[in-house]
Each structure stands twice: as C-alpha cells, then as structure tokens.
Amino acid sequence: MSNEHQIRWVPLKRYCELTGESPHTIHCRRSAGVWVDGKQSKKVQGGGIWVNLKEVEKWIETSSCL
C-alpha cells in the first residue's frame, strides 16, 4: 500500500481497539496538553474524538521515559 492511501485518522474507539489503550488515557493526555488538539487527536463536529496515527507514532518516537 502506498503512503498516500494509508489511513491517518481513526475514531477514538478504533484507536483503542488497535492499541489496547483506554479512552480515559487519551482524554487525560488531551486534558494535560500532552496531546495537542489538531495534531495527535482532534474533536470533530458532532463531538467525536479522532486520533492521528502518524502523529501518535511521531510522539512515541520522540517521547522520553520519565
């Protein structure tokens, strides 16, 4: 599959299914400013949260262990 056809944004529910993380974890990251709205995740019209898989991967790769 070419990069231009890869899925970038997925609904929060699907992201949680793929990663095993809970919606609560994602909401905490958003509330704490760890994930930036519009970058790693985004609240869309209608109230749903979507997650940007490409940006989350970048975040993981550049995150330091505390």
C-alpha atoms as a PDB file:
ATOM      1  CA  MET A   1       0.000   0.000   0.000  1.00  0.00           C
ATOM      2  CA  SER A   2       1.370   3.413  -0.876  1.00  0.00           C
ATOM      3  CA  ASN A   3       1.704   6.133   1.766  1.00  0.00           C
ATOM      4  CA  GLU A   4      -0.887   8.348   0.111  1.00  0.00           C
ATOM      5  CA  HIS A   5      -3.610   5.728   0.720  1.00  0.00           C
ATOM      6  CA  GLN A   6      -2.787   4.847   4.320  1.00  0.00           C
ATOM      7  CA  ILE A   7      -5.385   5.779   6.882  1.00  0.00           C
ATOM      8  CA  ARG A   8      -4.162   8.666   9.006  1.00  0.00           C
ATOM      9  CA  TRP A   9      -7.163   9.490  11.239  1.00  0.00           C
ATOM     10  CA  VAL A  10      -9.231   6.891  13.098  1.00  0.00           C
ATOM     11  CA  PRO A  11     -12.069   7.268  15.604  1.00  0.00           C
ATOM     12  CA  LEU A  12     -11.050   7.018  19.256  1.00  0.00           C
ATOM     13  CA  LYS A  13     -12.876   3.697  19.650  1.00  0.00           C
ATOM     14  CA  ARG A  14     -10.889   2.148  16.791  1.00  0.00           C
ATOM     15  CA  TYR A  15      -7.607   3.557  18.127  1.00  0.00           C
ATOM     16  CA  CYS A  16      -8.327   1.958  21.493  1.00  0.00           C
ATOM     17  CA  GLU A  17      -9.131  -1.371  19.820  1.00  0.00           C
ATOM     18  CA  LEU A  18      -5.835  -1.246  17.909  1.00  0.00           C
ATOM     19  CA  THR A  19      -3.617  -0.242  20.839  1.00  0.00           C
ATOM     20  CA  GLY A  20      -5.341  -1.561  23.944  1.00  0.00           C
ATOM     21  CA  GLU A  21      -5.274   1.911  25.489  1.00  0.00           C
ATOM     22  CA  SER A  22      -8.422   3.179  27.184  1.00  0.00           C
ATOM     23  CA  PRO A  23     -10.433   6.219  26.141  1.00  0.00           C
ATOM     24  CA  HIS A  24      -9.715   7.590  29.635  1.00  0.00           C
ATOM     25  CA  THR A  25      -5.961   7.527  28.910  1.00  0.00           C
ATOM     26  CA  ILE A  26      -6.465   9.515  25.717  1.00  0.00           C
ATOM     27  CA  HIS A  27      -8.753  12.041  27.412  1.00  0.00           C
ATOM     28  CA  CYS A  28      -6.130  12.512  30.160  1.00  0.00           C
ATOM     29  CA  ARG A  29      -3.385  13.138  27.571  1.00  0.00           C
ATOM     30  CA  ARG A  30      -5.603  15.693  25.850  1.00  0.00           C
ATOM     31  CA  SER A  31      -6.574  17.413  29.117  1.00  0.00           C
ATOM     32  CA  ALA A  32      -2.954  17.591  30.289  1.00  0.00           C
ATOM     33  CA  GLY A  33      -1.811  19.027  26.948  1.00  0.00           C
ATOM     34  CA  VAL A  34       0.394  16.021  26.247  1.00  0.00           C
ATOM     35  CA  TRP A  35      -1.517  15.505  23.017  1.00  0.00           C
ATOM     36  CA  VAL A  36      -2.308  18.688  21.086  1.00  0.00           C
ATOM     37  CA  ASP A  37      -5.765  19.096  19.593  1.00  0.00           C
ATOM     38  CA  GLY A  38      -5.435  19.021  15.825  1.00  0.00           C
ATOM     39  CA  LYS A  39      -2.137  17.156  15.941  1.00  0.00           C
ATOM     40  CA  GLN A  40      -2.311  13.797  17.747  1.00  0.00           C
ATOM     41  CA  SER A  41      -6.065  13.972  18.240  1.00  0.00           C
ATOM     42  CA  LYS A  42      -8.966  16.153  17.240  1.00  0.00           C
ATOM     43  CA  LYS A  43     -12.518  16.738  18.400  1.00  0.00           C
ATOM     44  CA  VAL A  44     -14.717  16.813  15.319  1.00  0.00           C
ATOM     45  CA  GLN A  45     -18.135  18.249  14.663  1.00  0.00           C
ATOM     46  CA  GLY A  46     -20.639  16.006  16.375  1.00  0.00           C
ATOM     47  CA  GLY A  47     -18.417  15.532  19.419  1.00  0.00           C
ATOM     48  CA  GLY A  48     -16.308  12.557  18.407  1.00  0.00           C
ATOM     49  CA  ILE A  49     -12.567  12.295  19.023  1.00  0.00           C
ATOM     50  CA  TRP A  50     -10.332  11.147  16.189  1.00  0.00           C
ATOM     51  CA  VAL A  51      -6.699  10.101  16.540  1.00  0.00           C
ATOM     52  CA  ASN A  52      -3.935  10.770  14.007  1.00  0.00           C
ATOM     53  CA  LEU A  53      -1.921   7.540  13.814  1.00  0.00           C
ATOM     54  CA  LYS A  54       1.029   9.167  12.055  1.00  0.00           C
ATOM     55  CA  GLU A  55       1.367  11.923  14.678  1.00  0.00           C
ATOM     56  CA  VAL A  56       0.952   9.472  17.562  1.00  0.00           C
ATOM     57  CA  GLU A  57       3.782   7.393  16.096  1.00  0.00           C
ATOM     58  CA  LYS A  58       5.980  10.515  15.955  1.00  0.00           C
ATOM     59  CA  TRP A  59       5.013  11.344  19.553  1.00  0.00           C
ATOM     60  CA  ILE A  60       6.001   7.852  20.691  1.00  0.00           C
ATOM     61  CA  GLU A  61       9.331   8.018  18.864  1.00  0.00           C
ATOM     62  CA  THR A  62      10.258  11.376  20.396  1.00  0.00           C
ATOM     63  CA  SER A  63       8.872  10.849  23.906  1.00  0.00           C
ATOM     64  CA  SER A  64      11.371  10.453  26.682  1.00  0.00           C
ATOM     65  CA  CYS A  65      10.943   7.995  29.500  1.00  0.00           C
ATOM     66  CA  LEU A  66      10.199   9.648  32.843  1.00  0.00           C
END
